[in-house]
Amino acid sequence: MDRMGSKVRSDKHIVLLYYKFVDKIDVDKNTMDTKQFLNDATCPVEIINAKHMYEIIKQTE
């Protein structure tokens, strides 16, 4: 989050960045490999929950 903060404008952005950099799914501006997505993608709810937990931890520091 600290490194990509300026590029993350919504939860959708954070999910797509997570898919691209963590799950290593081939994501570009308009497409995503469906087979790879179905096999390798992390549940978006888990990604958003982790983001909220991160924000809570940052606020309590």
N, C-alpha and C. Protein backbone atom coordinates (compact mmCIF):
# COMPACT_ATOMS: atom_id res chain seq x y z
N MET A 1 0.82 -1.19 0.00
CA MET A 1 0.00 0.00 0.00
C MET A 1 0.86 1.26 0.00
N ASP A 2 1.91 1.26 0.80
CA ASP A 2 2.75 2.46 0.86
C ASP A 2 3.39 2.75 -0.49
N ARG A 3 3.82 1.71 -1.18
CA ARG A 3 4.52 1.88 -2.46
C ARG A 3 3.56 2.27 -3.58
N MET A 4 2.34 1.75 -3.57
CA MET A 4 1.40 1.97 -4.66
C MET A 4 0.27 2.93 -4.28
N GLY A 5 0.36 3.57 -3.14
CA GLY A 5 -0.72 4.40 -2.62
C GLY A 5 -1.27 5.42 -3.60
N SER A 6 -0.43 6.06 -4.37
CA SER A 6 -0.90 7.09 -5.30
C SER A 6 -1.68 6.51 -6.48
N LYS A 7 -1.49 5.22 -6.77
CA LYS A 7 -2.19 4.59 -7.89
C LYS A 7 -3.50 3.92 -7.48
N VAL A 8 -3.68 3.72 -6.19
CA VAL A 8 -4.87 3.03 -5.70
C VAL A 8 -5.94 4.06 -5.38
N ARG A 9 -6.97 4.11 -6.22
CA ARG A 9 -8.03 5.08 -6.04
C ARG A 9 -9.34 4.43 -5.59
N SER A 10 -9.38 3.10 -5.61
CA SER A 10 -10.60 2.41 -5.19
C SER A 10 -10.26 0.97 -4.82
N ASP A 11 -11.24 0.28 -4.25
CA ASP A 11 -11.03 -1.13 -3.93
C ASP A 11 -10.80 -1.95 -5.19
N LYS A 12 -11.42 -1.54 -6.28
CA LYS A 12 -11.21 -2.25 -7.56
C LYS A 12 -9.73 -2.20 -7.96
N HIS A 13 -9.11 -1.04 -7.81
CA HIS A 13 -7.70 -0.91 -8.14
C HIS A 13 -6.83 -1.81 -7.28
N ILE A 14 -7.13 -1.85 -5.99
CA ILE A 14 -6.30 -2.67 -5.11
C ILE A 14 -6.44 -4.15 -5.45
N VAL A 15 -7.64 -4.58 -5.81
CA VAL A 15 -7.84 -5.98 -6.19
C VAL A 15 -7.06 -6.30 -7.46
N LEU A 16 -7.14 -5.43 -8.46
CA LEU A 16 -6.42 -5.68 -9.71
C LEU A 16 -4.91 -5.65 -9.51
N LEU A 17 -4.41 -4.73 -8.70
CA LEU A 17 -2.98 -4.71 -8.41
C LEU A 17 -2.55 -5.96 -7.66
N TYR A 18 -3.38 -6.44 -6.75
CA TYR A 18 -3.07 -7.66 -6.02
C TYR A 18 -2.99 -8.84 -6.98
N TYR A 19 -3.97 -8.93 -7.89
CA TYR A 19 -3.95 -10.02 -8.88
C TYR A 19 -2.67 -9.97 -9.71
N LYS A 20 -2.29 -8.76 -10.12
CA LYS A 20 -1.14 -8.61 -11.00
C LYS A 20 0.19 -8.90 -10.28
N PHE A 21 0.38 -8.35 -9.09
CA PHE A 21 1.68 -8.43 -8.44
C PHE A 21 1.83 -9.56 -7.44
N VAL A 22 0.76 -10.00 -6.83
CA VAL A 22 0.85 -11.06 -5.83
C VAL A 22 0.46 -12.40 -6.43
N ASP A 23 -0.71 -12.45 -7.06
CA ASP A 23 -1.17 -13.70 -7.66
C ASP A 23 -0.50 -13.98 -9.00
N LYS A 24 0.19 -12.98 -9.55
CA LYS A 24 0.92 -13.10 -10.82
C LYS A 24 -0.01 -13.48 -11.98
N ILE A 25 -1.19 -12.88 -11.99
CA ILE A 25 -2.13 -13.10 -13.09
C ILE A 25 -1.87 -12.06 -14.17
N ASP A 26 -1.89 -12.50 -15.41
CA ASP A 26 -1.63 -11.61 -16.54
C ASP A 26 -2.81 -10.65 -16.71
N VAL A 27 -2.65 -9.44 -16.16
CA VAL A 27 -3.70 -8.43 -16.19
C VAL A 27 -3.18 -7.25 -16.99
N ASP A 28 -3.97 -6.79 -17.96
CA ASP A 28 -3.62 -5.53 -18.62
C ASP A 28 -4.84 -4.62 -18.56
N LYS A 29 -4.83 -3.55 -19.30
CA LYS A 29 -5.88 -2.54 -19.18
C LYS A 29 -7.28 -3.08 -19.49
N ASN A 30 -7.38 -4.04 -20.42
CA ASN A 30 -8.70 -4.48 -20.85
C ASN A 30 -8.99 -5.96 -20.64
N THR A 31 -7.97 -6.77 -20.35
CA THR A 31 -8.20 -8.21 -20.30
C THR A 31 -7.49 -8.87 -19.13
N MET A 32 -7.97 -10.08 -18.85
CA MET A 32 -7.36 -10.92 -17.82
C MET A 32 -7.52 -12.36 -18.29
N ASP A 33 -6.49 -13.16 -18.14
CA ASP A 33 -6.54 -14.56 -18.55
C ASP A 33 -7.55 -15.31 -17.67
N THR A 34 -8.67 -15.74 -18.24
CA THR A 34 -9.75 -16.35 -17.48
C THR A 34 -9.33 -17.64 -16.80
N LYS A 35 -8.65 -18.51 -17.52
CA LYS A 35 -8.23 -19.78 -16.93
C LYS A 35 -7.28 -19.54 -15.75
N GLN A 36 -6.33 -18.66 -15.95
CA GLN A 36 -5.39 -18.35 -14.88
C GLN A 36 -6.12 -17.70 -13.70
N PHE A 37 -7.07 -16.82 -13.99
CA PHE A 37 -7.85 -16.18 -12.94
C PHE A 37 -8.62 -17.21 -12.12
N LEU A 38 -9.29 -18.13 -12.79
CA LEU A 38 -10.08 -19.14 -12.08
C LEU A 38 -9.21 -20.07 -11.24
N ASN A 39 -8.00 -20.32 -11.70
CA ASN A 39 -7.11 -21.22 -10.97
C ASN A 39 -6.32 -20.55 -9.85
N ASP A 40 -5.96 -19.28 -10.03
CA ASP A 40 -4.98 -18.66 -9.14
C ASP A 40 -5.44 -17.45 -8.34
N ALA A 41 -6.57 -16.87 -8.66
CA ALA A 41 -6.96 -15.61 -8.05
C ALA A 41 -7.41 -15.77 -6.60
N THR A 42 -6.97 -14.84 -5.78
CA THR A 42 -7.40 -14.76 -4.40
C THR A 42 -8.80 -14.13 -4.39
N CYS A 43 -9.63 -14.58 -3.47
CA CYS A 43 -10.98 -14.03 -3.33
C CYS A 43 -10.90 -12.53 -3.06
N PRO A 44 -11.62 -11.71 -3.82
CA PRO A 44 -11.56 -10.26 -3.63
C PRO A 44 -11.96 -9.82 -2.22
N VAL A 45 -12.87 -10.53 -1.59
CA VAL A 45 -13.28 -10.18 -0.23
C VAL A 45 -12.10 -10.29 0.73
N GLU A 46 -11.27 -11.30 0.55
CA GLU A 46 -10.08 -11.46 1.40
C GLU A 46 -9.11 -10.31 1.20
N ILE A 47 -8.96 -9.86 -0.03
CA ILE A 47 -8.05 -8.75 -0.34
C ILE A 47 -8.55 -7.46 0.32
N ILE A 48 -9.84 -7.18 0.19
CA ILE A 48 -10.42 -5.96 0.77
C ILE A 48 -10.38 -6.03 2.30
N ASN A 49 -10.66 -7.20 2.87
CA ASN A 49 -10.57 -7.35 4.32
C ASN A 49 -9.16 -7.07 4.81
N ALA A 50 -8.17 -7.57 4.09
CA ALA A 50 -6.78 -7.32 4.47
C ALA A 50 -6.45 -5.83 4.38
N LYS A 51 -6.99 -5.16 3.38
CA LYS A 51 -6.77 -3.71 3.24
C LYS A 51 -7.35 -2.97 4.45
N HIS A 52 -8.55 -3.35 4.85
CA HIS A 52 -9.17 -2.69 6.00
C HIS A 52 -8.39 -2.96 7.29
N MET A 53 -7.91 -4.17 7.46
CA MET A 53 -7.10 -4.51 8.63
C MET A 53 -5.80 -3.69 8.63
N TYR A 54 -5.19 -3.55 7.48
CA TYR A 54 -3.98 -2.75 7.34
C TYR A 54 -4.25 -1.30 7.76
N GLU A 55 -5.38 -0.75 7.30
CA GLU A 55 -5.73 0.63 7.64
C GLU A 55 -5.96 0.79 9.14
N ILE A 56 -6.59 -0.20 9.76
CA ILE A 56 -6.83 -0.15 11.21
C ILE A 56 -5.50 -0.19 11.96
N ILE A 57 -4.62 -1.06 11.54
CA ILE A 57 -3.31 -1.16 12.19
C ILE A 57 -2.54 0.15 12.07
N LYS A 58 -2.58 0.77 10.89
CA LYS A 58 -1.87 2.04 10.67
C LYS A 58 -2.44 3.14 11.57
N GLN A 59 -3.76 3.11 11.79
CA GLN A 59 -4.39 4.15 12.64
C GLN A 59 -4.04 3.99 14.10
N THR A 60 -3.78 2.76 14.52
CA THR A 60 -3.50 2.52 15.94
C THR A 60 -2.03 2.67 16.29
N GLU A 61 -1.18 2.84 15.30
CA GLU A 61 0.26 3.00 15.57
C GLU A 61 0.58 4.38 16.08
